[in-house]
Amino acid sequence: MNTLRKAIYACFTLAAWWPTAALAVQQHGGAEGLVAHQIGHAFFVGGIGYLLLMIYRADIRSRGWFEFKTFLWLILAWNILTFSGHWMREYVDPAKYTRMNNHIVSYQVDGIADGYFYLTRLDHLLLVPAFVFLLLSLRKWRQQV
């Protein structure tokens, strides 16, 4: 085993033994943080849309490309869902959240907009299948080599 691989394993082992807060889900600082984040989603949607357009124009149909296109469509849907969820969160009444021990434990759905906002919180229902399709496409491409 080479030195770099040993160092990487050592880092992962240390991180596993002394975990700290991941801070993976955090609020963006002020309105400008949200705007910058939303611009990132917009560029991501544009890039995925352009990639889909080029794939359809090239009429690529070989093994693995159906799964890759499905991945791209799911990522596009996830971005749109997440973008709208970030925007809607700014207008949600805080009284709709039920808190227990300073943690949100439920959300009161009173209409279609509330239901859609709740659905935006379940973005993993699009993201997890998207990455499954990505893995399937990569596996098929690897089998061709």
C-alpha atoms as a PDB file:
ATOM      1  CA  MET A   1       0.000   0.000   0.000  1.00  0.00           C
ATOM      2  CA  ASN A   2       1.453   3.362  -0.978  1.00  0.00           C
ATOM      3  CA  THR A   3       2.057   6.232   1.432  1.00  0.00           C
ATOM      4  CA  LEU A   4      -0.783   8.427   0.167  1.00  0.00           C
ATOM      5  CA  ARG A   5      -3.332   5.659   0.625  1.00  0.00           C
ATOM      6  CA  LYS A   6      -2.067   5.016   4.166  1.00  0.00           C
ATOM      7  CA  ALA A   7      -2.385   8.720   4.984  1.00  0.00           C
ATOM      8  CA  ILE A   8      -5.947   8.812   3.644  1.00  0.00           C
ATOM      9  CA  TYR A   9      -6.917   5.754   5.709  1.00  0.00           C
ATOM     10  CA  ALA A  10      -5.333   7.332   8.777  1.00  0.00           C
ATOM     11  CA  CYS A  11      -7.327  10.544   8.280  1.00  0.00           C
ATOM     12  CA  PHE A  12     -10.606   8.656   7.897  1.00  0.00           C
ATOM     13  CA  THR A  13      -9.836   6.549  10.965  1.00  0.00           C
ATOM     14  CA  LEU A  14      -9.078   9.653  13.054  1.00  0.00           C
ATOM     15  CA  ALA A  15     -12.244  11.351  11.810  1.00  0.00           C
ATOM     16  CA  ALA A  16     -14.278   8.288  12.769  1.00  0.00           C
ATOM     17  CA  TRP A  17     -12.832   8.212  16.302  1.00  0.00           C
ATOM     18  CA  TRP A  18     -13.132  11.972  16.998  1.00  0.00           C
ATOM     19  CA  PRO A  19     -16.272  13.149  15.218  1.00  0.00           C
ATOM     20  CA  THR A  20     -17.387  16.749  15.319  1.00  0.00           C
ATOM     21  CA  ALA A  21     -20.478  18.502  14.011  1.00  0.00           C
ATOM     22  CA  ALA A  22     -20.687  17.990  10.238  1.00  0.00           C
ATOM     23  CA  LEU A  23     -22.545  21.265   9.633  1.00  0.00           C
ATOM     24  CA  ALA A  24     -23.857  19.752   6.386  1.00  0.00           C
ATOM     25  CA  VAL A  25     -27.266  21.367   6.823  1.00  0.00           C
ATOM     26  CA  GLN A  26     -26.902  24.991   7.749  1.00  0.00           C
ATOM     27  CA  GLN A  27     -28.583  28.294   7.075  1.00  0.00           C
ATOM     28  CA  HIS A  28     -26.974  30.736   4.687  1.00  0.00           C
ATOM     29  CA  GLY A  29     -25.949  34.066   6.157  1.00  0.00           C
ATOM     30  CA  GLY A  30     -28.580  36.702   5.458  1.00  0.00           C
ATOM     31  CA  ALA A  31     -30.348  37.373   2.192  1.00  0.00           C
ATOM     32  CA  GLU A  32     -27.103  37.571   0.200  1.00  0.00           C
ATOM     33  CA  GLY A  33     -26.173  34.026   1.269  1.00  0.00           C
ATOM     34  CA  LEU A  34     -29.503  32.689   0.038  1.00  0.00           C
ATOM     35  CA  VAL A  35     -29.248  34.656  -3.208  1.00  0.00           C
ATOM     36  CA  ALA A  36     -25.758  33.276  -3.892  1.00  0.00           C
ATOM     37  CA  HIS A  37     -26.995  29.767  -3.138  1.00  0.00           C
ATOM     38  CA  GLN A  38     -30.012  30.202  -5.437  1.00  0.00           C
ATOM     39  CA  ILE A  39     -27.738  31.474  -8.216  1.00  0.00           C
ATOM     40  CA  GLY A  40     -25.758  28.261  -7.778  1.00  0.00           C
ATOM     41  CA  HIS A  41     -28.952  26.225  -8.250  1.00  0.00           C
ATOM     42  CA  ALA A  42     -29.815  28.272 -11.350  1.00  0.00           C
ATOM     43  CA  PHE A  43     -26.389  27.622 -12.896  1.00  0.00           C
ATOM     44  CA  PHE A  44     -26.704  23.937 -11.992  1.00  0.00           C
ATOM     45  CA  VAL A  45     -30.114  23.760 -13.738  1.00  0.00           C
ATOM     46  CA  GLY A  46     -28.639  25.518 -16.781  1.00  0.00           C
ATOM     47  CA  GLY A  47     -25.677  23.134 -16.917  1.00  0.00           C
ATOM     48  CA  ILE A  48     -27.805  20.009 -16.559  1.00  0.00           C
ATOM     49  CA  GLY A  49     -30.261  21.325 -19.138  1.00  0.00           C
ATOM     50  CA  TYR A  50     -27.439  22.028 -21.593  1.00  0.00           C
ATOM     51  CA  LEU A  51     -25.960  18.562 -21.024  1.00  0.00           C
ATOM     52  CA  LEU A  52     -29.368  16.944 -21.633  1.00  0.00           C
ATOM     53  CA  LEU A  53     -29.826  18.985 -24.816  1.00  0.00           C
ATOM     54  CA  MET A  54     -26.438  17.916 -26.161  1.00  0.00           C
ATOM     55  CA  ILE A  55     -27.110  14.248 -25.336  1.00  0.00           C
ATOM     56  CA  TYR A  56     -30.484  14.322 -27.088  1.00  0.00           C
ATOM     57  CA  ARG A  57     -29.054  16.169 -30.107  1.00  0.00           C
ATOM     58  CA  ALA A  58     -26.271  13.586 -30.432  1.00  0.00           C
ATOM     59  CA  ASP A  59     -28.941  10.840 -30.212  1.00  0.00           C
ATOM     60  CA  ILE A  60     -26.758   8.669 -27.968  1.00  0.00           C
ATOM     61  CA  ARG A  61     -28.431   5.325 -27.275  1.00  0.00           C
ATOM     62  CA  SER A  62     -25.640   2.950 -26.314  1.00  0.00           C
ATOM     63  CA  ARG A  63     -25.488   1.025 -23.023  1.00  0.00           C
ATOM     64  CA  GLY A  64     -25.709   3.136 -19.886  1.00  0.00           C
ATOM     65  CA  TRP A  65     -26.974   6.314 -21.504  1.00  0.00           C
ATOM     66  CA  PHE A  66     -30.637   5.720 -20.642  1.00  0.00           C
ATOM     67  CA  GLU A  67     -29.665   5.474 -16.977  1.00  0.00           C
ATOM     68  CA  PHE A  68     -27.453   8.555 -17.244  1.00  0.00           C
ATOM     69  CA  LYS A  69     -30.260  10.589 -18.850  1.00  0.00           C
ATOM     70  CA  THR A  70     -32.608   9.419 -16.084  1.00  0.00           C
ATOM     71  CA  PHE A  71     -30.022  10.578 -13.541  1.00  0.00           C
ATOM     72  CA  LEU A  72     -29.857  13.992 -15.220  1.00  0.00           C
ATOM     73  CA  TRP A  73     -33.655  14.364 -15.312  1.00  0.00           C
ATOM     74  CA  LEU A  74     -33.912  13.477 -11.625  1.00  0.00           C
ATOM     75  CA  ILE A  75     -31.125  15.919 -10.732  1.00  0.00           C
ATOM     76  CA  LEU A  76     -32.888  18.613 -12.765  1.00  0.00           C
ATOM     77  CA  ALA A  77     -36.158  17.915 -10.917  1.00  0.00           C
ATOM     78  CA  TRP A  78     -34.306  17.913  -7.579  1.00  0.00           C
ATOM     79  CA  ASN A  79     -32.742  21.302  -8.348  1.00  0.00           C
ATOM     80  CA  ILE A  80     -36.086  22.849  -9.272  1.00  0.00           C
ATOM     81  CA  LEU A  81     -37.749  21.357  -6.182  1.00  0.00           C
ATOM     82  CA  THR A  82     -34.932  22.514  -3.904  1.00  0.00           C
ATOM     83  CA  PHE A  83     -34.790  25.983  -5.488  1.00  0.00           C
ATOM     84  CA  SER A  84     -38.504  26.487  -4.891  1.00  0.00           C
ATOM     85  CA  GLY A  85     -38.209  25.094  -1.343  1.00  0.00           C
ATOM     86  CA  HIS A  86     -35.459  27.579  -0.463  1.00  0.00           C
ATOM     87  CA  TRP A  87     -37.581  30.409  -1.824  1.00  0.00           C
ATOM     88  CA  MET A  88     -40.761  29.256  -0.067  1.00  0.00           C
ATOM     89  CA  ARG A  89     -38.975  28.844   3.271  1.00  0.00           C
ATOM     90  CA  GLU A  90     -38.616  32.626   3.457  1.00  0.00           C
ATOM     91  CA  TYR A  91     -42.419  32.979   3.518  1.00  0.00           C
ATOM     92  CA  VAL A  92     -43.452  30.085   5.778  1.00  0.00           C
ATOM     93  CA  ASP A  93     -45.133  31.114   9.011  1.00  0.00           C
ATOM     94  CA  PRO A  94     -42.919  29.901  11.899  1.00  0.00           C
ATOM     95  CA  ALA A  95     -46.116  29.025  13.831  1.00  0.00           C
ATOM     96  CA  LYS A  96     -46.658  26.102  11.413  1.00  0.00           C
ATOM     97  CA  TYR A  97     -43.683  24.296  12.947  1.00  0.00           C
ATOM     98  CA  THR A  98     -44.182  22.241  16.096  1.00  0.00           C
ATOM     99  CA  ARG A  99     -41.087  22.312  18.278  1.00  0.00           C
ATOM    100  CA  MET A 100     -40.049  20.014  21.087  1.00  0.00           C
ATOM    101  CA  ASN A 101     -36.810  20.588  23.025  1.00  0.00           C
ATOM    102  CA  ASN A 102     -35.841  23.237  20.460  1.00  0.00           C
ATOM    103  CA  HIS A 103     -36.122  20.739  17.558  1.00  0.00           C
ATOM    104  CA  ILE A 104     -38.744  20.844  14.823  1.00  0.00           C
ATOM    105  CA  VAL A 105     -40.828  17.688  15.134  1.00  0.00           C
ATOM    106  CA  SER A 106     -43.721  18.419  12.763  1.00  0.00           C
ATOM    107  CA  TYR A 107     -45.138  20.844  10.240  1.00  0.00           C
ATOM    108  CA  GLN A 108     -48.805  21.784   9.872  1.00  0.00           C
ATOM    109  CA  VAL A 109     -50.081  21.410   6.294  1.00  0.00           C
ATOM    110  CA  ASP A 110     -53.186  23.510   5.621  1.00  0.00           C
ATOM    111  CA  GLY A 111     -53.225  23.763   1.844  1.00  0.00           C
ATOM    112  CA  ILE A 112     -51.554  22.989  -1.459  1.00  0.00           C
ATOM    113  CA  ALA A 113     -48.714  25.479  -0.921  1.00  0.00           C
ATOM    114  CA  ASP A 114     -47.983  23.994   2.518  1.00  0.00           C
ATOM    115  CA  GLY A 115     -48.043  20.488   1.044  1.00  0.00           C
ATOM    116  CA  TYR A 116     -45.647  21.487  -1.725  1.00  0.00           C
ATOM    117  CA  PHE A 117     -43.318  23.132   0.790  1.00  0.00           C
ATOM    118  CA  TYR A 118     -43.358  19.952   2.868  1.00  0.00           C
ATOM    119  CA  LEU A 119     -42.545  17.969  -0.287  1.00  0.00           C
ATOM    120  CA  THR A 120     -39.512  20.223  -0.876  1.00  0.00           C
ATOM    121  CA  ARG A 121     -38.172  19.033   2.492  1.00  0.00           C
ATOM    122  CA  LEU A 122     -38.261  15.449   1.152  1.00  0.00           C
ATOM    123  CA  ASP A 123     -35.781  16.126  -1.636  1.00  0.00           C
ATOM    124  CA  HIS A 124     -33.955  12.871  -0.890  1.00  0.00           C
ATOM    125  CA  LEU A 125     -36.847  11.058  -2.590  1.00  0.00           C
ATOM    126  CA  LEU A 126     -35.440  12.413  -5.872  1.00  0.00           C
ATOM    127  CA  LEU A 127     -31.766  12.589  -4.973  1.00  0.00           C
ATOM    128  CA  VAL A 128     -31.256   8.986  -3.823  1.00  0.00           C
ATOM    129  CA  PRO A 129     -32.823   7.404  -6.950  1.00  0.00           C
ATOM    130  CA  ALA A 130     -30.837   9.853  -9.086  1.00  0.00           C
ATOM    131  CA  PHE A 131     -27.559   8.584  -7.690  1.00  0.00           C
ATOM    132  CA  VAL A 132     -28.719   4.977  -8.064  1.00  0.00           C
ATOM    133  CA  PHE A 133     -29.217   5.662 -11.793  1.00  0.00           C
ATOM    134  CA  LEU A 134     -25.800   7.316 -11.958  1.00  0.00           C
ATOM    135  CA  LEU A 135     -24.206   4.242 -10.392  1.00  0.00           C
ATOM    136  CA  LEU A 136     -26.084   1.968 -12.810  1.00  0.00           C
ATOM    137  CA  SER A 137     -24.842   3.947 -15.793  1.00  0.00           C
ATOM    138  CA  LEU A 138     -21.261   3.955 -14.518  1.00  0.00           C
ATOM    139  CA  ARG A 139     -21.440   0.223 -13.918  1.00  0.00           C
ATOM    140  CA  LYS A 140     -22.655  -0.418 -17.472  1.00  0.00           C
ATOM    141  CA  TRP A 141     -19.928   1.812 -18.909  1.00  0.00           C
ATOM    142  CA  ARG A 142     -17.285   0.023 -16.836  1.00  0.00           C
ATOM    143  CA  GLN A 143     -18.478  -3.362 -18.084  1.00  0.00           C
ATOM    144  CA  GLN A 144     -17.907  -2.173 -21.660  1.00  0.00           C
ATOM    145  CA  VAL A 145     -14.232  -1.470 -21.040  1.00  0.00           C
END
